PDB file of all heavy atoms in Angstrom:
ATOM      1  N   ASP A   1      96.509 118.982  78.730  1.00  0.00           N
ATOM      2  CA  ASP A   1      96.260 117.820  79.578  1.00  0.00           C
ATOM      3  C   ASP A   1      96.312 118.245  81.041  1.00  0.00           C
ATOM      4  O   ASP A   1      97.270 118.884  81.467  1.00  0.00           O
ATOM      5  CB  ASP A   1      97.301 116.728  79.323  1.00  0.00           C
ATOM      6  CG  ASP A   1      97.192 116.144  77.926  1.00  0.00           C
ATOM      7  OD1 ASP A   1      96.060 116.006  77.441  1.00  0.00           O
ATOM      8  OD2 ASP A   1      98.230 115.828  77.332  1.00  0.00           O
ATOM      9  N   PHE A   2      95.281 117.888  81.800  1.00  0.00           N
ATOM     10  CA  PHE A   2      95.152 118.234  83.210  1.00  0.00           C
ATOM     11  C   PHE A   2      95.399 116.996  84.061  1.00  0.00           C
ATOM     12  O   PHE A   2      94.766 115.958  83.838  1.00  0.00           O
ATOM     13  CB  PHE A   2      93.752 118.773  83.510  1.00  0.00           C
ATOM     14  CG  PHE A   2      93.461 120.132  82.945  1.00  0.00           C
ATOM     15  CD1 PHE A   2      93.266 120.308  81.578  1.00  0.00           C
ATOM     16  CD2 PHE A   2      93.367 121.232  83.779  1.00  0.00           C
ATOM     17  CE1 PHE A   2      92.989 121.563  81.053  1.00  0.00           C
ATOM     18  CE2 PHE A   2      93.087 122.490  83.268  1.00  0.00           C
ATOM     19  CZ  PHE A   2      92.904 122.658  81.897  1.00  0.00           C
ATOM     20  N   MET A   3      96.291 117.108  85.046  1.00  0.00           N
ATOM     21  CA  MET A   3      96.566 116.029  85.984  1.00  0.00           C
ATOM     22  C   MET A   3      96.351 116.529  87.409  1.00  0.00           C
ATOM     23  O   MET A   3      96.867 117.581  87.789  1.00  0.00           O
ATOM     24  CB  MET A   3      98.007 115.525  85.845  1.00  0.00           C
ATOM     25  CG  MET A   3      98.251 114.643  84.626  1.00  0.00           C
ATOM     26  SD  MET A   3      98.243 115.531  83.058  1.00  0.00           S
ATOM     27  CE  MET A   3      99.680 116.575  83.232  1.00  0.00           C
ATOM     28  N   VAL A   4      95.593 115.789  88.196  1.00  0.00           N
ATOM     29  CA  VAL A   4      95.349 116.143  89.595  1.00  0.00           C
ATOM     30  C   VAL A   4      96.609 115.854  90.412  1.00  0.00           C
ATOM     31  O   VAL A   4      97.277 114.841  90.197  1.00  0.00           O
ATOM     32  CB  VAL A   4      94.159 115.356  90.155  1.00  0.00           C
ATOM     33  CG1 VAL A   4      94.012 115.575  91.663  1.00  0.00           C
ATOM     34  CG2 VAL A   4      92.872 115.756  89.442  1.00  0.00           C
ATOM     35  N   VAL A   5      96.930 116.760  91.334  1.00  0.00           N
ATOM     36  CA  VAL A   5      98.101 116.598  92.193  1.00  0.00           C
ATOM     37  C   VAL A   5      97.715 116.817  93.654  1.00  0.00           C
ATOM     38  O   VAL A   5      96.708 117.458  93.963  1.00  0.00           O
ATOM     39  CB  VAL A   5      99.229 117.580  91.813  1.00  0.00           C
ATOM     40  CG1 VAL A   5      99.810 117.226  90.446  1.00  0.00           C
ATOM     41  CG2 VAL A   5      98.735 119.020  91.830  1.00  0.00           C
ATOM     42  N   GLN A   6      98.549 116.250  94.544  1.00  0.00           N
ATOM     43  CA  GLN A   6      98.408 116.465  95.978  1.00  0.00           C
ATOM     44  C   GLN A   6      99.790 116.639  96.583  1.00  0.00           C
ATOM     45  O   GLN A   6     100.783 116.135  96.053  1.00  0.00           O
ATOM     46  CB  GLN A   6      97.726 115.280  96.662  1.00  0.00           C
ATOM     47  CG  GLN A   6      96.232 115.199  96.477  1.00  0.00           C
ATOM     48  CD  GLN A   6      95.605 114.130  97.356  1.00  0.00           C
ATOM     49  OE1 GLN A   6      96.207 113.649  98.311  1.00  0.00           O
ATOM     50  NE2 GLN A   6      94.381 113.750  97.050  1.00  0.00           N
ATOM     51  N   PHE A   7      99.836 117.360  97.703  1.00  0.00           N
ATOM     52  CA  PHE A   7     101.055 117.411  98.494  1.00  0.00           C
ATOM     53  C   PHE A   7     101.152 116.120  99.298  1.00  0.00           C
ATOM     54  O   PHE A   7     100.245 115.756 100.033  1.00  0.00           O
ATOM     55  CB  PHE A   7     101.044 118.608  99.446  1.00  0.00           C
ATOM     56  CG  PHE A   7     101.436 119.899  98.779  1.00  0.00           C
ATOM     57  CD1 PHE A   7     100.546 120.948  98.686  1.00  0.00           C
ATOM     58  CD2 PHE A   7     102.710 120.065  98.251  1.00  0.00           C
ATOM     59  CE1 PHE A   7     100.909 122.143  98.077  1.00  0.00           C
ATOM     60  CE2 PHE A   7     103.083 121.245  97.644  1.00  0.00           C
ATOM     61  CZ  PHE A   7     102.176 122.292  97.556  1.00  0.00           C
ATOM     62  N   LEU A   8     102.259 115.407  99.135  1.00  0.00           N
ATOM     63  CA  LEU A   8     102.471 114.155  99.846  1.00  0.00           C
ATOM     64  C   LEU A   8     103.939 114.072 100.247  1.00  0.00           C
ATOM     65  O   LEU A   8     104.824 114.170  99.398  1.00  0.00           O
ATOM     66  CB  LEU A   8     102.108 112.959  98.950  1.00  0.00           C
ATOM     67  CG  LEU A   8     102.174 111.578  99.588  1.00  0.00           C
ATOM     68  CD1 LEU A   8     101.126 111.450 100.693  1.00  0.00           C
ATOM     69  CD2 LEU A   8     101.958 110.500  98.525  1.00  0.00           C
ATOM     70  N   ASP A   9     104.201 113.935 101.544  1.00  0.00           N
ATOM     71  CA  ASP A   9     105.579 113.863 102.046  1.00  0.00           C
ATOM     72  C   ASP A   9     106.401 115.080 101.632  1.00  0.00           C
ATOM     73  O   ASP A   9     107.596 114.970 101.346  1.00  0.00           O
ATOM     74  CB  ASP A   9     106.272 112.576 101.565  1.00  0.00           C
ATOM     75  CG  ASP A   9     105.555 111.326 102.038  1.00  0.00           C
ATOM     76  OD1 ASP A   9     104.968 111.365 103.135  1.00  0.00           O
ATOM     77  OD2 ASP A   9     105.573 110.316 101.315  1.00  0.00           O
ATOM     78  N   GLY A  10     105.737 116.227 101.586  1.00  0.00           N
ATOM     79  CA  GLY A  10     106.442 117.456 101.241  1.00  0.00           C
ATOM     80  C   GLY A  10     106.638 117.690  99.760  1.00  0.00           C
ATOM     81  O   GLY A  10     107.286 118.669  99.371  1.00  0.00           O
ATOM     82  N   TRP A  11     106.075 116.827  98.913  1.00  0.00           N
ATOM     83  CA  TRP A  11     106.222 116.952  97.471  1.00  0.00           C
ATOM     84  C   TRP A  11     104.856 117.055  96.806  1.00  0.00           C
ATOM     85  O   TRP A  11     103.878 116.499  97.288  1.00  0.00           O
ATOM     86  CB  TRP A  11     106.962 115.736  96.891  1.00  0.00           C
ATOM     87  CG  TRP A  11     108.354 115.572  97.394  1.00  0.00           C
ATOM     88  CD1 TRP A  11     108.757 114.882  98.508  1.00  0.00           C
ATOM     89  CD2 TRP A  11     109.531 116.128  96.823  1.00  0.00           C
ATOM     90  NE1 TRP A  11     110.110 114.959  98.653  1.00  0.00           N
ATOM     91  CE2 TRP A  11     110.629 115.716  97.636  1.00  0.00           C
ATOM     92  CE3 TRP A  11     109.790 116.916  95.707  1.00  0.00           C
ATOM     93  CZ2 TRP A  11     111.939 116.081  97.357  1.00  0.00           C
ATOM     94  CZ3 TRP A  11     111.088 117.274  95.423  1.00  0.00           C
ATOM     95  CH2 TRP A  11     112.154 116.862  96.239  1.00  0.00           C
ATOM     96  N   MET A  12     104.807 117.746  95.672  1.00  0.00           N
ATOM     97  CA  MET A  12     103.604 117.762  94.864  1.00  0.00           C
ATOM     98  C   MET A  12     103.653 116.550  93.944  1.00  0.00           C
ATOM     99  O   MET A  12     104.530 116.447  93.081  1.00  0.00           O
ATOM    100  CB  MET A  12     103.537 119.047  94.030  1.00  0.00           C
ATOM    101  CG  MET A  12     102.241 119.205  93.259  1.00  0.00           C
ATOM    102  SD  MET A  12     100.844 119.638  94.312  1.00  0.00           S
ATOM    103  CE  MET A  12     101.007 121.428  94.354  1.00  0.00           C
ATOM    104  N   ARG A  13     102.726 115.609  94.140  1.00  0.00           N
ATOM    105  CA  ARG A  13     102.772 114.345  93.409  1.00  0.00           C
ATOM    106  C   ARG A  13     101.450 114.086  92.688  1.00  0.00           C
ATOM    107  O   ARG A  13     100.397 114.572  93.095  1.00  0.00           O
ATOM    108  CB  ARG A  13     103.054 113.183  94.368  1.00  0.00           C
ATOM    109  CG  ARG A  13     104.358 113.292  95.151  1.00  0.00           C
ATOM    110  CD  ARG A  13     104.545 112.064  96.037  1.00  0.00           C
ATOM    111  NE  ARG A  13     105.704 112.166  96.899  1.00  0.00           N
ATOM    112  CZ  ARG A  13     106.938 111.832  96.552  1.00  0.00           C
ATOM    113  NH1 ARG A  13     107.171 111.384  95.333  1.00  0.00           N
ATOM    114  NH2 ARG A  13     107.942 111.949  97.408  1.00  0.00           N
ATOM    115  N   MET A  14     101.538 113.251  91.633  1.00  0.00           N
ATOM    116  CA  MET A  14     100.347 112.857  90.893  1.00  0.00           C
ATOM    117  C   MET A  14      99.782 111.524  91.373  1.00  0.00           C
ATOM    118  O   MET A  14      98.638 111.197  91.072  1.00  0.00           O
ATOM    119  CB  MET A  14     100.647 112.785  89.396  1.00  0.00           C
ATOM    120  CG  MET A  14     100.895 114.143  88.762  1.00  0.00           C
ATOM    121  SD  MET A  14     101.103 114.052  86.958  1.00  0.00           S
ATOM    122  CE  MET A  14     102.772 113.380  86.851  1.00  0.00           C
ATOM    123  N   TYR A  15     100.586 110.735  92.109  1.00  0.00           N
ATOM    124  CA  TYR A  15     100.128 109.421  92.556  1.00  0.00           C
ATOM    125  C   TYR A  15     100.879 108.968  93.803  1.00  0.00           C
ATOM    126  O   TYR A  15     101.946 109.489  94.136  1.00  0.00           O
ATOM    127  CB  TYR A  15     100.304 108.378  91.450  1.00  0.00           C
ATOM    128  CG  TYR A  15     101.689 108.297  90.874  1.00  0.00           C
ATOM    129  CD1 TYR A  15     102.712 107.604  91.526  1.00  0.00           C
ATOM    130  CD2 TYR A  15     101.993 108.918  89.670  1.00  0.00           C
ATOM    131  CE1 TYR A  15     103.983 107.527  91.003  1.00  0.00           C
ATOM    132  CE2 TYR A  15     103.268 108.855  89.129  1.00  0.00           C
ATOM    133  CZ  TYR A  15     104.257 108.159  89.799  1.00  0.00           C
ATOM    134  OH  TYR A  15     105.519 108.097  89.277  1.00  0.00           O
ATOM    135  N   ARG A  16     100.302 107.988  94.489  1.00  0.00           N
ATOM    136  CA  ARG A  16     100.942 107.351  95.634  1.00  0.00           C
ATOM    137  C   ARG A  16     101.793 106.171  95.151  1.00  0.00           C
ATOM    138  O   ARG A  16     101.483 105.549  94.131  1.00  0.00           O
ATOM    139  CB  ARG A  16      99.895 106.822  96.614  1.00  0.00           C
ATOM    140  CG  ARG A  16      98.918 107.844  97.153  1.00  0.00           C
ATOM    141  CD  ARG A  16      97.915 107.160  98.076  1.00  0.00           C
ATOM    142  NE  ARG A  16      96.870 108.079  98.525  1.00  0.00           N
ATOM    143  CZ  ARG A  16      95.767 108.333  97.840  1.00  0.00           C
ATOM    144  NH1 ARG A  16      95.556 107.733  96.678  1.00  0.00           N
ATOM    145  NH2 ARG A  16      94.870 109.186  98.311  1.00  0.00           N
ATOM    146  N   GLY A  17     102.800 105.842  95.919  1.00  0.00           N
ATOM    147  CA  GLY A  17     103.584 104.641  95.622  1.00  0.00           C
ATOM    148  C   GLY A  17     104.180 104.681  94.238  1.00  0.00           C
ATOM    149  O   GLY A  17     104.693 105.702  93.784  1.00  0.00           O
ATOM    150  N   ASP A  18     104.086 103.539  93.526  1.00  0.00           N
ATOM    151  CA  ASP A  18     104.682 103.473  92.190  1.00  0.00           C
ATOM    152  C   ASP A  18     103.703 103.831  91.085  1.00  0.00           C
ATOM    153  O   ASP A  18     104.065 103.840  89.902  1.00  0.00           O
ATOM    154  CB  ASP A  18     105.276 102.084  91.938  1.00  0.00           C
ATOM    155  CG  ASP A  18     104.231 100.962  92.022  1.00  0.00           C
ATOM    156  OD1 ASP A  18     103.020 101.260  92.032  1.00  0.00           O
ATOM    157  OD2 ASP A  18     104.648  99.792  92.075  1.00  0.00           O
ATOM    158  N   GLY A  19     102.446 104.122  91.427  1.00  0.00           N
ATOM    159  CA  GLY A  19     101.481 104.572  90.435  1.00  0.00           C
ATOM    160  C   GLY A  19     101.044 103.514  89.437  1.00  0.00           C
ATOM    161  O   GLY A  19     100.491 103.840  88.380  1.00  0.00           O
ATOM    162  N   ARG A  20     101.259 102.253  89.744  1.00  0.00           N
ATOM    163  CA  ARG A  20     100.939 101.204  88.776  1.00  0.00           C
ATOM    164  C   ARG A  20      99.454 100.844  88.730  1.00  0.00           C
ATOM    165  O   ARG A  20      99.016 100.152  87.818  1.00  0.00           O
ATOM    166  CB  ARG A  20     101.774  99.959  89.068  1.00  0.00           C
ATOM    167  CG  ARG A  20     103.256 100.161  88.813  1.00  0.00           C
ATOM    168  CD  ARG A  20     104.046  98.872  89.002  1.00  0.00           C
ATOM    169  NE  ARG A  20     105.466  99.100  88.782  1.00  0.00           N
ATOM    170  CZ  ARG A  20     106.053  99.051  87.592  1.00  0.00           C
ATOM    171  NH1 ARG A  20     105.323  98.783  86.517  1.00  0.00           N
ATOM    172  NH2 ARG A  20     107.345  99.256  87.463  1.00  0.00           N
ATOM    173  N   ALA A  21      98.689 101.322  89.702  1.00  0.00           N
ATOM    174  CA  ALA A  21      97.241 101.094  89.699  1.00  0.00           C
ATOM    175  C   ALA A  21      96.528 102.426  89.499  1.00  0.00           C
ATOM    176  O   ALA A  21      96.984 103.471  89.986  1.00  0.00           O
ATOM    177  CB  ALA A  21      96.798 100.454  91.012  1.00  0.00           C
ATOM    178  N   ASN A  22      95.422 102.402  88.795  1.00  0.00           N
ATOM    179  CA  ASN A  22      94.675 103.647  88.584  1.00  0.00           C
ATOM    180  C   ASN A  22      94.297 104.295  89.911  1.00  0.00           C
ATOM    181  O   ASN A  22      94.313 105.527  90.049  1.00  0.00           O
ATOM    182  CB  ASN A  22      93.418 103.365  87.761  1.00  0.00           C
ATOM    183  CG  ASN A  22      93.715 103.203  86.281  1.00  0.00           C
ATOM    184  OD1 ASN A  22      94.456 103.970  85.694  1.00  0.00           O
ATOM    185  ND2 ASN A  22      93.115 102.178  85.685  1.00  0.00           N
ATOM    186  N   GLU A  23      93.974 103.466  90.898  1.00  0.00           N
ATOM    187  CA  GLU A  23      93.559 103.990  92.199  1.00  0.00           C
ATOM    188  C   GLU A  23      94.691 104.707  92.923  1.00  0.00           C
ATOM    189  O   GLU A  23      94.437 105.449  93.881  1.00  0.00           O
ATOM    190  CB  GLU A  23      93.026 102.844  93.065  1.00  0.00           C
ATOM    191  CG  GLU A  23      91.716 102.241  92.580  1.00  0.00           C
ATOM    192  CD  GLU A  23      91.898 101.297  91.391  1.00  0.00           C
ATOM    193  OE1 GLU A  23      93.050 100.970  91.042  1.00  0.00           O
ATOM    194  OE2 GLU A  23      90.865 100.909  90.813  1.00  0.00           O
ATOM    195  N   ASP A  24      95.936 104.494  92.500  1.00  0.00           N
ATOM    196  CA  ASP A  24      97.069 105.211  93.098  1.00  0.00           C
ATOM    197  C   ASP A  24      97.087 106.682  92.687  1.00  0.00           C
ATOM    198  O   ASP A  24      97.693 107.511  93.365  1.00  0.00           O
ATOM    199  CB  ASP A  24      98.405 104.586  92.655  1.00  0.00           C
ATOM    200  CG  ASP A  24      98.609 103.187  93.212  1.00  0.00           C
ATOM    201  OD1 ASP A  24      97.978 102.845  94.222  1.00  0.00           O
ATOM    202  OD2 ASP A  24      99.417 102.441  92.615  1.00  0.00           O
ATOM    203  N   TRP A  25      96.452 106.994  91.568  1.00  0.00           N
ATOM    204  CA  TRP A  25      96.501 108.344  90.999  1.00  0.00           C
ATOM    205  C   TRP A  25      95.436 109.216  91.646  1.00  0.00           C
ATOM    206  O   TRP A  25      94.278 108.832  91.750  1.00  0.00           O
ATOM    207  CB  TRP A  25      96.308 108.286  89.488  1.00  0.00           C
ATOM    208  CG  TRP A  25      97.490 107.685  88.795  1.00  0.00           C
ATOM    209  CD1 TRP A  25      97.887 106.373  88.831  1.00  0.00           C
ATOM    210  CD2 TRP A  25      98.438 108.373  87.982  1.00  0.00           C
ATOM    211  NE1 TRP A  25      99.021 106.193  88.087  1.00  0.00           N
ATOM    212  CE2 TRP A  25      99.392 107.402  87.554  1.00  0.00           C
ATOM    213  CE3 TRP A  25      98.590 109.684  87.571  1.00  0.00           C
ATOM    214  CZ2 TRP A  25     100.470 107.736  86.739  1.00  0.00           C
ATOM    215  CZ3 TRP A  25      99.657 110.020  86.750  1.00  0.00           C
ATOM    216  CH2 TRP A  25     100.580 109.049  86.351  1.00  0.00           C
ATOM    217  N   PHE A  26      95.845 110.401  92.073  1.00  0.00           N
ATOM    218  CA  PHE A  26      94.926 111.295  92.783  1.00  0.00           C
ATOM    219  C   PHE A  26      93.795 111.776  91.895  1.00  0.00           C
ATOM    220  O   PHE A  26      92.741 112.173  92.383  1.00  0.00           O
ATOM    221  CB  PHE A  26      95.694 112.478  93.362  1.00  0.00           C
ATOM    222  CG  PHE A  26      96.744 112.067  94.357  1.00  0.00           C
ATOM    223  CD1 PHE A  26      98.072 112.423  94.168  1.00  0.00           C
ATOM    224  CD2 PHE A  26      96.419 111.317  95.457  1.00  0.00           C
ATOM    225  CE1 PHE A  26      99.049 112.037  95.075  1.00  0.00           C
ATOM    226  CE2 PHE A  26      97.384 110.915  96.376  1.00  0.00           C
ATOM    227  CZ  PHE A  26      98.701 111.287  96.172  1.00  0.00           C
ATOM    228  N   GLY A  27      94.000 111.748  90.584  1.00  0.00           N
ATOM    229  CA  GLY A  27      92.949 112.194  89.680  1.00  0.00           C
ATOM    230  C   GLY A  27      91.920 111.137  89.342  1.00  0.00           C
ATOM    231  O   GLY A  27      90.845 111.465  88.822  1.00  0.00           O
ATOM    232  N   TRP A  28      92.229 109.886  89.630  1.00  0.00           N
ATOM    233  CA  TRP A  28      91.324 108.801  89.252  1.00  0.00           C
ATOM    234  C   TRP A  28      89.949 108.991  89.892  1.00  0.00           C
ATOM    235  O   TRP A  28      89.814 109.070  91.112  1.00  0.00           O
ATOM    236  CB  TRP A  28      91.915 107.462  89.667  1.00  0.00           C
ATOM    237  CG  TRP A  28      91.038 106.279  89.410  1.00  0.00           C
ATOM    238  CD1 TRP A  28      90.366 105.549  90.355  1.00  0.00           C
ATOM    239  CD2 TRP A  28      90.731 105.680  88.149  1.00  0.00           C
ATOM    240  NE1 TRP A  28      89.675 104.522  89.752  1.00  0.00           N
ATOM    241  CE2 TRP A  28      89.876 104.581  88.397  1.00  0.00           C
ATOM    242  CE3 TRP A  28      91.106 105.964  86.832  1.00  0.00           C
ATOM    243  CZ2 TRP A  28      89.383 103.781  87.373  1.00  0.00           C
ATOM    244  CZ3 TRP A  28      90.611 105.159  85.808  1.00  0.00           C
ATOM    245  CH2 TRP A  28      89.772 104.087  86.084  1.00  0.00           C
ATOM    246  N   GLY A  29      88.930 109.100  89.074  1.00  0.00           N
ATOM    247  CA  GLY A  29      87.572 109.257  89.561  1.00  0.00           C
ATOM    248  C   GLY A  29      87.212 110.659  90.022  1.00  0.00           C
ATOM    249  O   GLY A  29      86.113 110.873  90.544  1.00  0.00           O
ATOM    250  N   ALA A  30      88.111 111.634  89.818  1.00  0.00           N
ATOM    251  CA  ALA A  30      87.823 113.011  90.233  1.00  0.00           C
ATOM    252  C   ALA A  30      86.670 113.590  89.413  1.00  0.00           C
ATOM    253  O   ALA A  30      86.470 113.226  88.249  1.00  0.00           O
ATOM    254  CB  ALA A  30      89.064 113.880  90.073  1.00  0.00           C
TER     255      ALA A  30
END
């Protein structure tokens, strides 16, 4: 399973905020 990640606030994260919306996830629509 592949998940897109980004550096955000000094951390490697998969989503912004609480991730409750698909659009919060960095991989959505990649």
